[in-house]
Amino acid sequence: MTRKEARSNQRHRLLGAMAHLVGTDGYANTSIAQVIAHAGVSRKAFYEYFTDKEDCFLAAYEELSDRLVNALVDAGSHTKRGRTQAQLKLYLEALSRDLPMARAFVIEVLAAGPRGLAVREQVNGRFAKLVFGHTSRDALVRKAIIGGVNDVVAGALMAGKKDLTRLLPHLVAFAEFQSTKRQARRTRAPRNS
């Protein structure tokens, strides 16, 4: 393994450890000492990559969110009909495969302070545009859809649900209802007085 590969591997392990520990123990209860022990790296190595716990968590949040959004965009590009269902199915399957990561990125990011909320806002905006851009041109409508999806997923995670894919028909109906409702308003002829 080259030095560059070793460094990349250390960083990857730190990000994974952070996501796992925050998802199982909560953001407030996760310490740098726990992260470096779980990742099997030194404290010095941690500080070569990150300035503090928040920096590490937000890097993990952004990197893993980017991967997920890119996979969802790719899934949507292969189908026009049923695009929303295909993307939401992939999203729920990914979250169900790693429930601690899901909890970290859907729930615990809210505990990461003002920077965490700002990064979450950017990620959700990108997610809404790339994944739900076909449902509405209105950024606020897309934001409402992603907010609704996140709220339902967070509720299921807090209730201890393990198979988030059971939410799929409900979330698809919600997202498609918003799209259909908007299209109906656009095509409705103006009333004559």
C-alpha atoms as a PDB file:
ATOM      1  CA  MET A   1       0.000   0.000   0.000  1.00  0.00           C
ATOM      2  CA  THR A   2       1.377   3.424  -0.911  1.00  0.00           C
ATOM      3  CA  ARG A   3       1.530   6.228   1.630  1.00  0.00           C
ATOM      4  CA  LYS A   4      -1.287   7.997  -0.204  1.00  0.00           C
ATOM      5  CA  GLU A   5      -3.459   4.857  -0.091  1.00  0.00           C
ATOM      6  CA  ALA A   6      -2.680   4.351   3.606  1.00  0.00           C
ATOM      7  CA  ARG A   7      -3.682   7.940   4.382  1.00  0.00           C
ATOM      8  CA  SER A   8      -6.895   7.576   2.394  1.00  0.00           C
ATOM      9  CA  ASN A   9      -7.636   4.331   4.228  1.00  0.00           C
ATOM     10  CA  GLN A  10      -7.115   5.997   7.624  1.00  0.00           C
ATOM     11  CA  ARG A  11      -9.406   8.871   6.712  1.00  0.00           C
ATOM     12  CA  HIS A  12     -12.045   6.459   5.417  1.00  0.00           C
ATOM     13  CA  ARG A  13     -11.875   4.434   8.661  1.00  0.00           C
ATOM     14  CA  LEU A  14     -12.233   7.596  10.747  1.00  0.00           C
ATOM     15  CA  LEU A  15     -15.291   8.701   8.768  1.00  0.00           C
ATOM     16  CA  GLY A  16     -16.864   5.261   9.085  1.00  0.00           C
ATOM     17  CA  ALA A  17     -16.129   5.092  12.805  1.00  0.00           C
ATOM     18  CA  MET A  18     -17.608   8.543  13.352  1.00  0.00           C
ATOM     19  CA  ALA A  19     -20.811   7.684  11.452  1.00  0.00           C
ATOM     20  CA  HIS A  20     -21.212   4.370  13.262  1.00  0.00           C
ATOM     21  CA  LEU A  21     -20.591   5.756  16.762  1.00  0.00           C
ATOM     22  CA  VAL A  22     -22.805   8.802  16.274  1.00  0.00           C
ATOM     23  CA  GLY A  23     -25.538   6.521  14.933  1.00  0.00           C
ATOM     24  CA  THR A  24     -25.348   4.156  17.894  1.00  0.00           C
ATOM     25  CA  ASP A  25     -24.392   6.463  20.795  1.00  0.00           C
ATOM     26  CA  GLY A  26     -25.574   9.883  19.588  1.00  0.00           C
ATOM     27  CA  TYR A  27     -23.575  12.930  18.534  1.00  0.00           C
ATOM     28  CA  ALA A  28     -23.278  14.376  22.035  1.00  0.00           C
ATOM     29  CA  ASN A  29     -22.062  11.078  23.506  1.00  0.00           C
ATOM     30  CA  THR A  30     -19.417  10.373  20.865  1.00  0.00           C
ATOM     31  CA  SER A  31     -15.851  11.406  21.650  1.00  0.00           C
ATOM     32  CA  ILE A  32     -12.722  11.678  19.544  1.00  0.00           C
ATOM     33  CA  ALA A  33     -11.130   9.016  21.779  1.00  0.00           C
ATOM     34  CA  GLN A  34     -13.924   6.581  20.882  1.00  0.00           C
ATOM     35  CA  VAL A  35     -13.617   7.388  17.171  1.00  0.00           C
ATOM     36  CA  ILE A  36      -9.852   6.836  17.015  1.00  0.00           C
ATOM     37  CA  ALA A  37     -10.142   3.607  19.028  1.00  0.00           C
ATOM     38  CA  HIS A  38     -12.921   2.305  16.762  1.00  0.00           C
ATOM     39  CA  ALA A  39     -10.987   3.301  13.617  1.00  0.00           C
ATOM     40  CA  GLY A  40      -7.694   1.937  14.913  1.00  0.00           C
ATOM     41  CA  VAL A  41      -5.711   5.110  14.215  1.00  0.00           C
ATOM     42  CA  SER A  42      -3.693   7.467  16.382  1.00  0.00           C
ATOM     43  CA  ARG A  43      -4.868  10.770  17.812  1.00  0.00           C
ATOM     44  CA  LYS A  44      -2.136  12.427  15.724  1.00  0.00           C
ATOM     45  CA  ALA A  45      -3.611  10.884  12.561  1.00  0.00           C
ATOM     46  CA  PHE A  46      -7.079  12.145  13.498  1.00  0.00           C
ATOM     47  CA  TYR A  47      -5.790  15.714  13.756  1.00  0.00           C
ATOM     48  CA  GLU A  48      -3.974  15.424  10.446  1.00  0.00           C
ATOM     49  CA  TYR A  49      -7.382  15.142   8.782  1.00  0.00           C
ATOM     50  CA  PHE A  50      -9.803  16.988  11.058  1.00  0.00           C
ATOM     51  CA  THR A  51      -9.740  19.938  13.427  1.00  0.00           C
ATOM     52  CA  ASP A  52     -12.303  18.497  15.863  1.00  0.00           C
ATOM     53  CA  LYS A  53     -15.235  16.114  16.268  1.00  0.00           C
ATOM     54  CA  GLU A  54     -17.634  18.404  14.416  1.00  0.00           C
ATOM     55  CA  ASP A  55     -15.259  18.668  11.444  1.00  0.00           C
ATOM     56  CA  CYS A  56     -14.950  14.873  11.233  1.00  0.00           C
ATOM     57  CA  PHE A  57     -18.704  14.287  11.536  1.00  0.00           C
ATOM     58  CA  LEU A  58     -19.563  16.895   8.907  1.00  0.00           C
ATOM     59  CA  ALA A  59     -16.953  15.469   6.528  1.00  0.00           C
ATOM     60  CA  ALA A  60     -18.537  12.031   6.985  1.00  0.00           C
ATOM     61  CA  TYR A  61     -22.019  13.483   6.521  1.00  0.00           C
ATOM     62  CA  GLU A  62     -21.084  15.301   3.309  1.00  0.00           C
ATOM     63  CA  GLU A  63     -19.087  12.453   1.789  1.00  0.00           C
ATOM     64  CA  LEU A  64     -21.624   9.721   2.467  1.00  0.00           C
ATOM     65  CA  SER A  65     -24.528  11.970   1.468  1.00  0.00           C
ATOM     66  CA  ASP A  66     -22.799  12.801  -1.815  1.00  0.00           C
ATOM     67  CA  ARG A  67     -22.335   9.101  -2.566  1.00  0.00           C
ATOM     68  CA  LEU A  68     -25.984   8.394  -1.843  1.00  0.00           C
ATOM     69  CA  VAL A  69     -27.280  11.339  -3.882  1.00  0.00           C
ATOM     70  CA  ASN A  70     -25.086  10.351  -6.847  1.00  0.00           C
ATOM     71  CA  ALA A  71     -26.421   6.779  -6.671  1.00  0.00           C
ATOM     72  CA  LEU A  72     -29.997   8.089  -6.575  1.00  0.00           C
ATOM     73  CA  VAL A  73     -29.413  10.367  -9.563  1.00  0.00           C
ATOM     74  CA  ASP A  74     -27.909   7.433 -11.448  1.00  0.00           C
ATOM     75  CA  ALA A  75     -30.907   5.235 -10.577  1.00  0.00           C
ATOM     76  CA  GLY A  76     -33.280   7.941 -11.792  1.00  0.00           C
ATOM     77  CA  SER A  77     -31.433   8.422 -15.069  1.00  0.00           C
ATOM     78  CA  HIS A  78     -32.241   4.846 -16.125  1.00  0.00           C
ATOM     79  CA  THR A  79     -35.984   5.316 -15.996  1.00  0.00           C
ATOM     80  CA  LYS A  80     -38.489   8.050 -16.730  1.00  0.00           C
ATOM     81  CA  ARG A  81     -41.583   6.216 -15.623  1.00  0.00           C
ATOM     82  CA  GLY A  82     -41.414   5.249 -11.983  1.00  0.00           C
ATOM     83  CA  ARG A  83     -38.371   7.440 -11.398  1.00  0.00           C
ATOM     84  CA  THR A  84     -39.539   8.676  -7.993  1.00  0.00           C
ATOM     85  CA  GLN A  85     -40.270   5.127  -6.839  1.00  0.00           C
ATOM     86  CA  ALA A  86     -36.897   3.818  -8.056  1.00  0.00           C
ATOM     87  CA  GLN A  87     -34.998   6.593  -6.297  1.00  0.00           C
ATOM     88  CA  LEU A  88     -36.931   6.393  -3.033  1.00  0.00           C
ATOM     89  CA  LYS A  89     -36.582   2.597  -3.018  1.00  0.00           C
ATOM     90  CA  LEU A  90     -32.805   2.867  -3.383  1.00  0.00           C
ATOM     91  CA  TYR A  91     -32.695   5.538  -0.649  1.00  0.00           C
ATOM     92  CA  LEU A  92     -34.682   3.420   1.809  1.00  0.00           C
ATOM     93  CA  GLU A  93     -32.694   0.273   0.973  1.00  0.00           C
ATOM     94  CA  ALA A  94     -29.402   2.102   1.578  1.00  0.00           C
ATOM     95  CA  LEU A  95     -30.621   3.428   4.923  1.00  0.00           C
ATOM     96  CA  SER A  96     -31.987   0.010   5.954  1.00  0.00           C
ATOM     97  CA  ARG A  97     -28.620  -1.647   5.231  1.00  0.00           C
ATOM     98  CA  ASP A  98     -26.864   0.567   7.770  1.00  0.00           C
ATOM     99  CA  LEU A  99     -29.269   1.766  10.452  1.00  0.00           C
ATOM    100  CA  PRO A 100     -26.597   3.459  12.632  1.00  0.00           C
ATOM    101  CA  MET A 101     -25.467   5.478   9.594  1.00  0.00           C
ATOM    102  CA  ALA A 102     -29.099   6.291   8.792  1.00  0.00           C
ATOM    103  CA  ARG A 103     -29.691   7.493  12.334  1.00  0.00           C
ATOM    104  CA  ALA A 104     -26.497   9.572  12.258  1.00  0.00           C
ATOM    105  CA  PHE A 105     -27.395  11.321   9.035  1.00  0.00           C
ATOM    106  CA  VAL A 106     -31.139  11.712   9.407  1.00  0.00           C
ATOM    107  CA  ILE A 107     -31.456  12.407  13.153  1.00  0.00           C
ATOM    108  CA  GLU A 108     -28.108  13.123  14.813  1.00  0.00           C
ATOM    109  CA  VAL A 109     -27.032  15.756  12.275  1.00  0.00           C
ATOM    110  CA  LEU A 110     -29.593  17.981  13.987  1.00  0.00           C
ATOM    111  CA  ALA A 111     -27.409  17.871  17.134  1.00  0.00           C
ATOM    112  CA  ALA A 112     -24.251  18.963  15.303  1.00  0.00           C
ATOM    113  CA  GLY A 113     -24.821  22.675  15.895  1.00  0.00           C
ATOM    114  CA  PRO A 114     -25.208  25.587  13.482  1.00  0.00           C
ATOM    115  CA  ARG A 115     -22.551  24.286  11.060  1.00  0.00           C
ATOM    116  CA  GLY A 116     -24.258  20.917  10.983  1.00  0.00           C
ATOM    117  CA  LEU A 117     -27.612  22.502  10.204  1.00  0.00           C
ATOM    118  CA  ALA A 118     -26.052  24.620   7.449  1.00  0.00           C
ATOM    119  CA  VAL A 119     -24.404  21.570   5.849  1.00  0.00           C
ATOM    120  CA  ARG A 120     -27.677  19.624   6.192  1.00  0.00           C
ATOM    121  CA  GLU A 121     -29.516  22.447   4.436  1.00  0.00           C
ATOM    122  CA  GLN A 122     -27.030  22.340   1.528  1.00  0.00           C
ATOM    123  CA  VAL A 123     -27.189  18.547   1.250  1.00  0.00           C
ATOM    124  CA  ASN A 124     -30.998  18.541   1.386  1.00  0.00           C
ATOM    125  CA  GLY A 125     -31.150  21.283  -1.257  1.00  0.00           C
ATOM    126  CA  ARG A 126     -28.906  19.297  -3.573  1.00  0.00           C
ATOM    127  CA  PHE A 127     -30.797  16.101  -2.839  1.00  0.00           C
ATOM    128  CA  ALA A 128     -34.145  17.781  -3.518  1.00  0.00           C
ATOM    129  CA  LYS A 129     -32.997  19.348  -6.790  1.00  0.00           C
ATOM    130  CA  LEU A 130     -31.261  16.290  -8.209  1.00  0.00           C
ATOM    131  CA  VAL A 131     -33.733  13.666  -7.026  1.00  0.00           C
ATOM    132  CA  PHE A 132     -37.040  15.543  -7.063  1.00  0.00           C
ATOM    133  CA  GLY A 133     -36.252  18.131  -9.742  1.00  0.00           C
ATOM    134  CA  HIS A 134     -38.494  16.268 -12.172  1.00  0.00           C
ATOM    135  CA  THR A 135     -41.468  16.625  -9.809  1.00  0.00           C
ATOM    136  CA  SER A 136     -41.374  20.415  -9.499  1.00  0.00           C
ATOM    137  CA  ARG A 137     -39.405  23.421 -10.648  1.00  0.00           C
ATOM    138  CA  ASP A 138     -40.286  25.183  -7.415  1.00  0.00           C
ATOM    139  CA  ALA A 139     -37.408  24.886  -4.942  1.00  0.00           C
ATOM    140  CA  LEU A 140     -39.735  25.308  -1.945  1.00  0.00           C
ATOM    141  CA  VAL A 141     -41.986  22.483  -3.124  1.00  0.00           C
ATOM    142  CA  ARG A 142     -38.936  20.234  -3.550  1.00  0.00           C
ATOM    143  CA  LYS A 143     -37.731  21.276  -0.099  1.00  0.00           C
ATOM    144  CA  ALA A 144     -41.141  20.406   1.352  1.00  0.00           C
ATOM    145  CA  ILE A 145     -41.023  16.978  -0.284  1.00  0.00           C
ATOM    146  CA  ILE A 146     -37.565  16.184   1.083  1.00  0.00           C
ATOM    147  CA  GLY A 147     -38.611  17.558   4.478  1.00  0.00           C
ATOM    148  CA  GLY A 148     -41.608  15.246   4.498  1.00  0.00           C
ATOM    149  CA  VAL A 149     -39.512  12.257   3.464  1.00  0.00           C
ATOM    150  CA  ASN A 150     -36.890  13.013   6.139  1.00  0.00           C
ATOM    151  CA  ASP A 151     -39.549  13.454   8.831  1.00  0.00           C
ATOM    152  CA  VAL A 152     -41.199  10.113   8.063  1.00  0.00           C
ATOM    153  CA  VAL A 153     -37.829   8.319   7.944  1.00  0.00           C
ATOM    154  CA  ALA A 154     -36.716   9.949  11.223  1.00  0.00           C
ATOM    155  CA  GLY A 155     -39.948   8.855  12.911  1.00  0.00           C
ATOM    156  CA  ALA A 156     -39.451   5.266  11.733  1.00  0.00           C
ATOM    157  CA  LEU A 157     -35.839   5.244  12.949  1.00  0.00           C
ATOM    158  CA  MET A 158     -36.801   6.640  16.355  1.00  0.00           C
ATOM    159  CA  ALA A 159     -39.522   3.971  16.611  1.00  0.00           C
ATOM    160  CA  GLY A 160     -36.865   1.297  16.049  1.00  0.00           C
ATOM    161  CA  LYS A 161     -38.072   0.200  12.610  1.00  0.00           C
ATOM    162  CA  LYS A 162     -35.475  -1.913  10.821  1.00  0.00           C
ATOM    163  CA  ASP A 163     -36.965  -2.229   7.340  1.00  0.00           C
ATOM    164  CA  LEU A 164     -37.449   1.295   6.077  1.00  0.00           C
ATOM    165  CA  THR A 165     -38.529   0.026   2.653  1.00  0.00           C
ATOM    166  CA  ARG A 166     -42.003  -0.505   4.138  1.00  0.00           C
ATOM    167  CA  LEU A 167     -42.353   3.273   3.945  1.00  0.00           C
ATOM    168  CA  LEU A 168     -41.945   3.225   0.164  1.00  0.00           C
ATOM    169  CA  PRO A 169     -45.593   3.201  -0.977  1.00  0.00           C
ATOM    170  CA  HIS A 170     -46.458   6.031   1.400  1.00  0.00           C
ATOM    171  CA  LEU A 171     -43.500   8.212   0.410  1.00  0.00           C
ATOM    172  CA  VAL A 172     -44.046   7.597  -3.314  1.00  0.00           C
ATOM    173  CA  ALA A 173     -47.734   8.507  -2.954  1.00  0.00           C
ATOM    174  CA  PHE A 174     -46.762  11.703  -1.115  1.00  0.00           C
ATOM    175  CA  ALA A 175     -44.111  12.784  -3.632  1.00  0.00           C
ATOM    176  CA  GLU A 176     -46.279  11.947  -6.641  1.00  0.00           C
ATOM    177  CA  PHE A 177     -49.310  13.646  -5.067  1.00  0.00           C
ATOM    178  CA  GLN A 178     -47.314  16.864  -4.753  1.00  0.00           C
ATOM    179  CA  SER A 179     -46.255  16.593  -8.391  1.00  0.00           C
ATOM    180  CA  THR A 180     -49.766  15.751  -9.661  1.00  0.00           C
ATOM    181  CA  LYS A 181     -51.340  18.534  -7.621  1.00  0.00           C
ATOM    182  CA  ARG A 182     -48.919  21.087  -9.052  1.00  0.00           C
ATOM    183  CA  GLN A 183     -49.474  19.890 -12.638  1.00  0.00           C
ATOM    184  CA  ALA A 184     -53.246  20.075 -12.154  1.00  0.00           C
ATOM    185  CA  ARG A 185     -52.974  23.698 -11.024  1.00  0.00           C
ATOM    186  CA  ARG A 186     -50.846  24.571 -14.054  1.00  0.00           C
ATOM    187  CA  THR A 187     -53.206  22.984 -16.563  1.00  0.00           C
ATOM    188  CA  ARG A 188     -56.433  24.256 -15.010  1.00  0.00           C
ATOM    189  CA  ALA A 189     -58.038  26.879 -17.204  1.00  0.00           C
ATOM    190  CA  PRO A 190     -58.579  30.280 -15.615  1.00  0.00           C
ATOM    191  CA  ARG A 191     -62.146  30.924 -14.491  1.00  0.00           C
ATOM    192  CA  ASN A 192     -64.184  33.517 -16.337  1.00  0.00           C
ATOM    193  CA  SER A 193     -66.083  35.983 -14.213  1.00  0.00           C
END
